[in-house]
Amino acid sequence: MTFERITVDPALMRGVPTVRDLRVPVATVVSMVADGMSPDEICQDFPDLTPDDVAEALRYAAETMRERTLPLRPSA
């Protein structure tokens, strides 16, 4: 899977994945969605973003979760 809107540049935000070389980290976009914001609301807060940027940030986050294992507490 390729991501055309997600960029990683060591000179920008210390290499944190951002949307289109903007100073908007993917993690920020994902957190806003997790807090209940719609793509339109996120784009109002960050006018340089588009709904397609938000969607790709979510796809990128989902793909990164498939790539690694995180320590989780066992279910009861």
N, C-alpha and C. Protein backbone atom coordinates (compact mmCIF):
# COMPACT_ATOMS: atom_id res chain seq x y z
N MET A 1 0.86 -1.17 0.00
CA MET A 1 0.00 0.00 0.00
C MET A 1 0.90 1.23 0.00
N THR A 2 0.59 2.18 -0.84
CA THR A 2 1.36 3.43 -0.88
C THR A 2 0.50 4.57 -0.38
N PHE A 3 1.17 5.56 0.16
CA PHE A 3 0.50 6.73 0.71
C PHE A 3 1.07 7.96 0.04
N GLU A 4 0.27 8.63 -0.76
CA GLU A 4 0.74 9.80 -1.48
C GLU A 4 0.62 11.08 -0.66
N ARG A 5 -0.21 11.08 0.35
CA ARG A 5 -0.44 12.29 1.14
C ARG A 5 0.34 12.30 2.46
N ILE A 6 0.95 11.18 2.82
CA ILE A 6 1.68 11.08 4.07
C ILE A 6 3.17 11.19 3.77
N THR A 7 3.84 12.08 4.48
CA THR A 7 5.26 12.31 4.24
C THR A 7 6.04 12.18 5.54
N VAL A 8 7.28 11.75 5.39
CA VAL A 8 8.20 11.65 6.52
C VAL A 8 9.49 12.33 6.09
N ASP A 9 9.83 13.40 6.77
CA ASP A 9 11.02 14.17 6.44
C ASP A 9 11.77 14.44 7.75
N PRO A 10 12.98 13.91 7.89
CA PRO A 10 13.73 14.12 9.14
C PRO A 10 13.92 15.60 9.49
N ALA A 11 13.88 16.47 8.49
CA ALA A 11 14.05 17.90 8.74
C ALA A 11 12.75 18.59 9.15
N LEU A 12 11.64 17.87 9.06
CA LEU A 12 10.34 18.44 9.41
C LEU A 12 9.75 17.66 10.57
N MET A 13 9.55 18.32 11.67
CA MET A 13 8.92 17.72 12.85
C MET A 13 9.67 16.45 13.30
N ARG A 14 11.00 16.48 13.15
CA ARG A 14 11.86 15.36 13.58
C ARG A 14 11.49 14.02 12.95
N GLY A 15 10.93 14.06 11.76
CA GLY A 15 10.63 12.82 11.05
C GLY A 15 9.30 12.19 11.40
N VAL A 16 8.49 12.87 12.17
CA VAL A 16 7.16 12.36 12.49
C VAL A 16 6.33 12.36 11.21
N PRO A 17 5.56 11.30 10.94
CA PRO A 17 4.72 11.30 9.74
C PRO A 17 3.72 12.47 9.77
N THR A 18 3.71 13.23 8.69
CA THR A 18 2.82 14.38 8.57
C THR A 18 1.99 14.25 7.30
N VAL A 19 0.99 15.11 7.20
CA VAL A 19 0.15 15.15 6.02
C VAL A 19 0.73 16.16 5.03
N ARG A 20 1.09 15.69 3.86
CA ARG A 20 1.56 16.50 2.73
C ARG A 20 2.63 17.53 3.10
N ASP A 21 3.59 17.14 3.89
CA ASP A 21 4.68 18.04 4.30
C ASP A 21 4.19 19.27 5.07
N LEU A 22 2.96 19.22 5.53
CA LEU A 22 2.45 20.29 6.39
C LEU A 22 2.89 19.96 7.81
N ARG A 23 2.82 20.88 8.68
CA ARG A 23 3.17 20.63 10.08
C ARG A 23 1.95 20.10 10.84
N VAL A 24 1.31 19.13 10.23
CA VAL A 24 0.16 18.48 10.84
C VAL A 24 0.48 16.99 10.94
N PRO A 25 0.85 16.52 12.13
CA PRO A 25 1.17 15.10 12.29
C PRO A 25 -0.05 14.20 12.08
N VAL A 26 0.21 13.04 11.52
CA VAL A 26 -0.86 12.04 11.36
C VAL A 26 -1.48 11.75 12.72
N ALA A 27 -0.68 11.65 13.75
CA ALA A 27 -1.19 11.34 15.09
C ALA A 27 -2.19 12.38 15.57
N THR A 28 -1.98 13.63 15.21
CA THR A 28 -2.91 14.69 15.60
C THR A 28 -4.27 14.47 14.92
N VAL A 29 -4.24 14.17 13.65
CA VAL A 29 -5.48 13.93 12.90
C VAL A 29 -6.22 12.73 13.48
N VAL A 30 -5.50 11.65 13.74
CA VAL A 30 -6.12 10.45 14.29
C VAL A 30 -6.71 10.73 15.67
N SER A 31 -6.01 11.48 16.48
CA SER A 31 -6.53 11.84 17.81
C SER A 31 -7.81 12.66 17.72
N MET A 32 -7.85 13.55 16.75
CA MET A 32 -9.05 14.38 16.58
C MET A 32 -10.25 13.52 16.19
N VAL A 33 -10.03 12.54 15.32
CA VAL A 33 -11.11 11.61 14.95
C VAL A 33 -11.52 10.81 16.18
N ALA A 34 -10.55 10.33 16.94
CA ALA A 34 -10.85 9.55 18.15
C ALA A 34 -11.64 10.36 19.16
N ASP A 35 -11.43 11.67 19.17
CA ASP A 35 -12.18 12.56 20.07
C ASP A 35 -13.57 12.89 19.55
N GLY A 36 -13.92 12.33 18.39
CA GLY A 36 -15.28 12.50 17.88
C GLY A 36 -15.44 13.57 16.81
N MET A 37 -14.35 14.16 16.35
CA MET A 37 -14.47 15.20 15.33
C MET A 37 -14.67 14.57 13.95
N SER A 38 -15.47 15.22 13.14
CA SER A 38 -15.69 14.77 11.77
C SER A 38 -14.58 15.30 10.88
N PRO A 39 -14.39 14.71 9.71
CA PRO A 39 -13.39 15.25 8.78
C PRO A 39 -13.63 16.73 8.46
N ASP A 40 -14.87 17.13 8.32
CA ASP A 40 -15.16 18.54 8.05
C ASP A 40 -14.74 19.44 9.20
N GLU A 41 -14.97 18.99 10.43
CA GLU A 41 -14.54 19.78 11.59
C GLU A 41 -13.02 19.88 11.66
N ILE A 42 -12.35 18.79 11.35
CA ILE A 42 -10.88 18.80 11.35
C ILE A 42 -10.37 19.77 10.29
N CYS A 43 -10.99 19.76 9.13
CA CYS A 43 -10.58 20.66 8.05
C CYS A 43 -10.88 22.12 8.39
N GLN A 44 -11.87 22.36 9.22
CA GLN A 44 -12.12 23.73 9.69
C GLN A 44 -10.99 24.18 10.61
N ASP A 45 -10.52 23.27 11.47
CA ASP A 45 -9.42 23.60 12.37
C ASP A 45 -8.08 23.73 11.63
N PHE A 46 -7.92 22.94 10.58
CA PHE A 46 -6.70 22.96 9.76
C PHE A 46 -7.11 23.19 8.31
N PRO A 47 -7.30 24.44 7.90
CA PRO A 47 -7.82 24.74 6.56
C PRO A 47 -6.98 24.20 5.41
N ASP A 48 -5.70 23.88 5.65
CA ASP A 48 -4.88 23.31 4.58
C ASP A 48 -5.19 21.84 4.32
N LEU A 49 -5.91 21.20 5.23
CA LEU A 49 -6.27 19.79 5.05
C LEU A 49 -7.56 19.64 4.27
N THR A 50 -7.69 18.47 3.64
CA THR A 50 -8.93 18.12 2.94
C THR A 50 -9.48 16.84 3.57
N PRO A 51 -10.75 16.53 3.32
CA PRO A 51 -11.27 15.26 3.83
C PRO A 51 -10.46 14.05 3.33
N ASP A 52 -9.92 14.13 2.12
CA ASP A 52 -9.07 13.04 1.62
C ASP A 52 -7.80 12.90 2.45
N ASP A 53 -7.26 14.01 2.95
CA ASP A 53 -6.09 13.96 3.82
C ASP A 53 -6.43 13.22 5.12
N VAL A 54 -7.58 13.52 5.67
CA VAL A 54 -8.01 12.87 6.92
C VAL A 54 -8.18 11.37 6.69
N ALA A 55 -8.82 11.00 5.59
CA ALA A 55 -9.02 9.58 5.28
C ALA A 55 -7.69 8.86 5.12
N GLU A 56 -6.74 9.48 4.43
CA GLU A 56 -5.45 8.82 4.24
C GLU A 56 -4.68 8.73 5.55
N ALA A 57 -4.80 9.72 6.41
CA ALA A 57 -4.15 9.65 7.72
C ALA A 57 -4.68 8.45 8.51
N LEU A 58 -5.98 8.22 8.42
CA LEU A 58 -6.57 7.07 9.13
C LEU A 58 -6.11 5.76 8.51
N ARG A 59 -6.06 5.69 7.18
CA ARG A 59 -5.57 4.47 6.53
C ARG A 59 -4.11 4.20 6.90
N TYR A 60 -3.31 5.26 6.93
CA TYR A 60 -1.91 5.12 7.30
C TYR A 60 -1.80 4.58 8.74
N ALA A 61 -2.56 5.15 9.64
CA ALA A 61 -2.53 4.71 11.04
C ALA A 61 -2.95 3.25 11.15
N ALA A 62 -3.99 2.87 10.42
CA ALA A 62 -4.44 1.48 10.45
C ALA A 62 -3.35 0.55 9.92
N GLU A 63 -2.69 0.94 8.86
CA GLU A 63 -1.64 0.11 8.29
C GLU A 63 -0.45 -0.02 9.24
N THR A 64 -0.10 1.05 9.92
CA THR A 64 1.02 0.96 10.86
C THR A 64 0.69 0.03 12.02
N MET A 65 -0.56 -0.05 12.40
CA MET A 65 -0.96 -0.96 13.48
C MET A 65 -0.85 -2.42 13.05
N ARG A 66 -1.00 -2.68 11.77
CA ARG A 66 -0.84 -4.04 11.27
C ARG A 66 0.62 -4.46 11.28
N GLU A 67 1.51 -3.49 11.28
CA GLU A 67 2.93 -3.74 11.14
C GLU A 67 3.63 -4.03 12.46
N ARG A 68 2.99 -3.79 13.59
CA ARG A 68 3.69 -3.98 14.84
C ARG A 68 2.78 -4.53 15.92
N THR A 69 3.38 -5.07 16.93
CA THR A 69 2.63 -5.61 18.05
C THR A 69 2.85 -4.71 19.26
N LEU A 70 1.78 -4.34 19.90
CA LEU A 70 1.85 -3.50 21.09
C LEU A 70 1.53 -4.35 22.31
N PRO A 71 2.16 -4.06 23.43
CA PRO A 71 1.84 -4.82 24.64
C PRO A 71 0.44 -4.43 25.13
N LEU A 72 -0.40 -5.41 25.28
CA LEU A 72 -1.77 -5.18 25.75
C LEU A 72 -2.01 -6.00 27.01
N ARG A 73 -2.89 -5.49 27.83
CA ARG A 73 -3.28 -6.21 29.03
C ARG A 73 -4.18 -7.38 28.62
N PRO A 74 -3.99 -8.57 29.18
CA PRO A 74 -4.86 -9.71 28.83
C PRO A 74 -6.32 -9.40 29.18
N SER A 75 -7.23 -9.90 28.36
CA SER A 75 -8.65 -9.73 28.68
C SER A 75 -9.03 -10.61 29.85
N ALA A 76 -10.07 -10.17 30.53
CA ALA A 76 -10.53 -10.92 31.70
C ALA A 76 -11.31 -12.14 31.31
